Protein backbone atom coordinates (compact mmCIF):
# COMPACT_ATOMS: atom_id res chain seq x y z
CA UNK A 1 -0.04 0.20 -0.04
CA UNK A 2 1.26 3.00 -1.08
CA UNK A 3 1.64 6.30 1.52
CA UNK A 4 -0.40 9.13 1.11
CA UNK A 5 1.67 11.67 2.03
CA UNK A 6 1.01 15.23 1.66
CA UNK A 7 3.30 17.90 -0.56
CA UNK A 8 4.75 19.21 2.57
CA UNK A 9 5.76 15.66 4.22
CA UNK A 10 6.91 14.47 0.87
CA UNK A 11 9.32 17.47 1.12
CA UNK A 12 10.01 16.96 4.40
CA UNK A 13 10.56 13.27 3.57
CA UNK A 14 13.33 14.30 0.65
CA UNK A 15 14.68 17.23 2.75
CA UNK A 16 15.81 14.72 5.62
CA UNK A 17 17.61 12.44 2.91
CA UNK A 18 19.10 14.98 1.23
CA UNK A 19 20.39 16.88 4.51
CA UNK A 20 21.34 13.48 6.21
CA UNK A 21 23.12 12.25 3.23
CA UNK A 22 24.93 15.25 1.96
CA UNK A 23 24.88 17.62 5.51
CA UNK A 24 23.18 21.17 4.88
CA UNK A 25 25.65 22.86 2.65
CA UNK A 26 26.31 20.44 0.29
CA UNK A 27 22.45 19.30 -0.19
CA UNK A 28 21.00 20.82 -2.96
CA UNK A 29 17.33 22.15 -3.02
CA UNK A 30 17.17 20.53 -6.74
CA UNK A 31 17.48 17.16 -5.34
CA UNK A 32 14.70 17.86 -2.54
CA UNK A 33 12.28 18.86 -5.05
CA UNK A 34 12.98 16.27 -7.26
CA UNK A 35 13.24 13.65 -5.07
CA UNK A 36 9.95 14.42 -3.27
CA UNK A 37 8.22 14.83 -6.92
CA UNK A 38 7.10 18.23 -6.26
CA UNK A 39 7.63 21.31 -8.38
CA UNK A 40 10.17 23.96 -7.30
CA UNK A 41 6.77 26.36 -7.08
CA UNK A 42 5.33 23.85 -4.86
CA UNK A 43 8.54 24.25 -2.75
CA UNK A 44 8.47 28.07 -2.44
CA UNK A 45 4.60 27.70 -1.44
CA UNK A 46 6.02 26.56 2.06
CA UNK A 47 9.54 28.11 2.04
CA UNK A 48 11.53 31.16 0.86
CA UNK A 49 14.87 29.14 0.95
CA UNK A 50 16.94 25.75 1.90
CA UNK A 51 17.61 27.74 5.28
CA UNK A 52 13.79 27.69 6.22
CA UNK A 53 13.71 23.94 5.47
CA UNK A 54 15.92 23.21 7.21
CA UNK A 55 15.04 25.43 10.31
CA UNK A 56 11.97 23.97 10.18
CA UNK A 57 13.00 19.91 10.49
CA UNK A 58 15.36 20.54 13.20
CA UNK A 59 13.89 23.90 14.90
CA UNK A 60 11.99 21.92 17.88
CA UNK A 61 14.73 19.45 18.82
CA UNK A 62 17.21 22.46 18.62
CA UNK A 63 15.35 24.69 21.41
CA UNK A 64 14.56 21.68 23.37
CA UNK A 65 18.53 20.84 24.19
CA UNK A 66 18.97 24.73 24.18
CA UNK A 67 16.40 25.13 27.02
CA UNK A 68 17.86 22.50 28.84
CA UNK A 69 20.71 24.03 29.19
CA UNK A 70 19.58 27.74 29.73
CA UNK A 71 17.68 26.07 32.51
CA UNK A 72 20.56 24.44 34.32
CA UNK A 73 22.64 27.47 34.02
CA UNK A 74 19.59 29.76 35.11
CA UNK A 75 19.21 27.02 38.38
CA UNK A 76 22.67 27.41 39.01
CA UNK A 77 23.16 30.62 38.96
CA UNK A 78 20.53 31.23 41.31
CA UNK A 79 21.90 29.34 43.72
CA UNK A 80 23.88 30.75 47.11
CA UNK A 81 27.40 31.45 45.69
CA UNK A 82 28.45 28.90 48.81
CA UNK A 83 26.58 26.23 47.13
CA UNK A 84 27.71 26.72 43.68
CA UNK A 85 30.76 24.60 44.06
CA UNK A 86 29.15 21.05 45.63
CA UNK A 87 26.30 21.60 43.13
CA UNK A 88 28.64 22.05 39.86
CA UNK A 89 28.98 18.23 38.84
CA UNK A 90 25.42 17.49 39.74
CA UNK A 91 23.84 20.41 37.68
CA UNK A 92 26.03 19.64 34.76
CA UNK A 93 25.37 15.86 34.72
CA UNK A 94 21.88 16.13 35.02
CA UNK A 95 21.67 18.91 32.04
CA UNK A 96 24.25 16.12 29.83
CA UNK A 97 21.76 13.48 30.77
CA UNK A 98 18.58 15.16 29.22
CA UNK A 99 20.64 16.76 26.39
CA UNK A 100 21.59 12.95 26.19
CA UNK A 101 18.50 11.33 26.30
CA UNK A 102 17.09 14.03 23.64
CA UNK A 103 19.66 13.19 21.22
CA UNK A 104 18.94 9.60 21.35
CA UNK A 105 15.54 10.17 20.57
CA UNK A 106 15.89 13.04 17.49
CA UNK A 107 18.97 10.94 16.01
CA UNK A 108 18.33 12.76 12.62
CA UNK A 109 17.20 16.01 13.81
CA UNK A 110 20.64 16.20 15.92
CA UNK A 111 23.05 14.73 12.98
């Protein structure tokens, strides 16, 4: 049974494959459109550029990881100065664990 994907889903699927195989810099918008089986006009109906497309694919995961870091930093900075040295290792470890779990659950986006 064939997949019944929307135009946007086709673009995302082709883009993920292209970015994973070639990396962002070498990924070709022309190949993405071709492999998605859509027109360039259809692509531009959703995105203004390759950069915008890439951002849409990784934005949520990127921001989740960044939020883990920011929250850990904020919590650490708000500890009394005398407690910071004893809490430093545990704070860093807890933040890193959250980030690693996120990386593992979103391997393609983090690649």
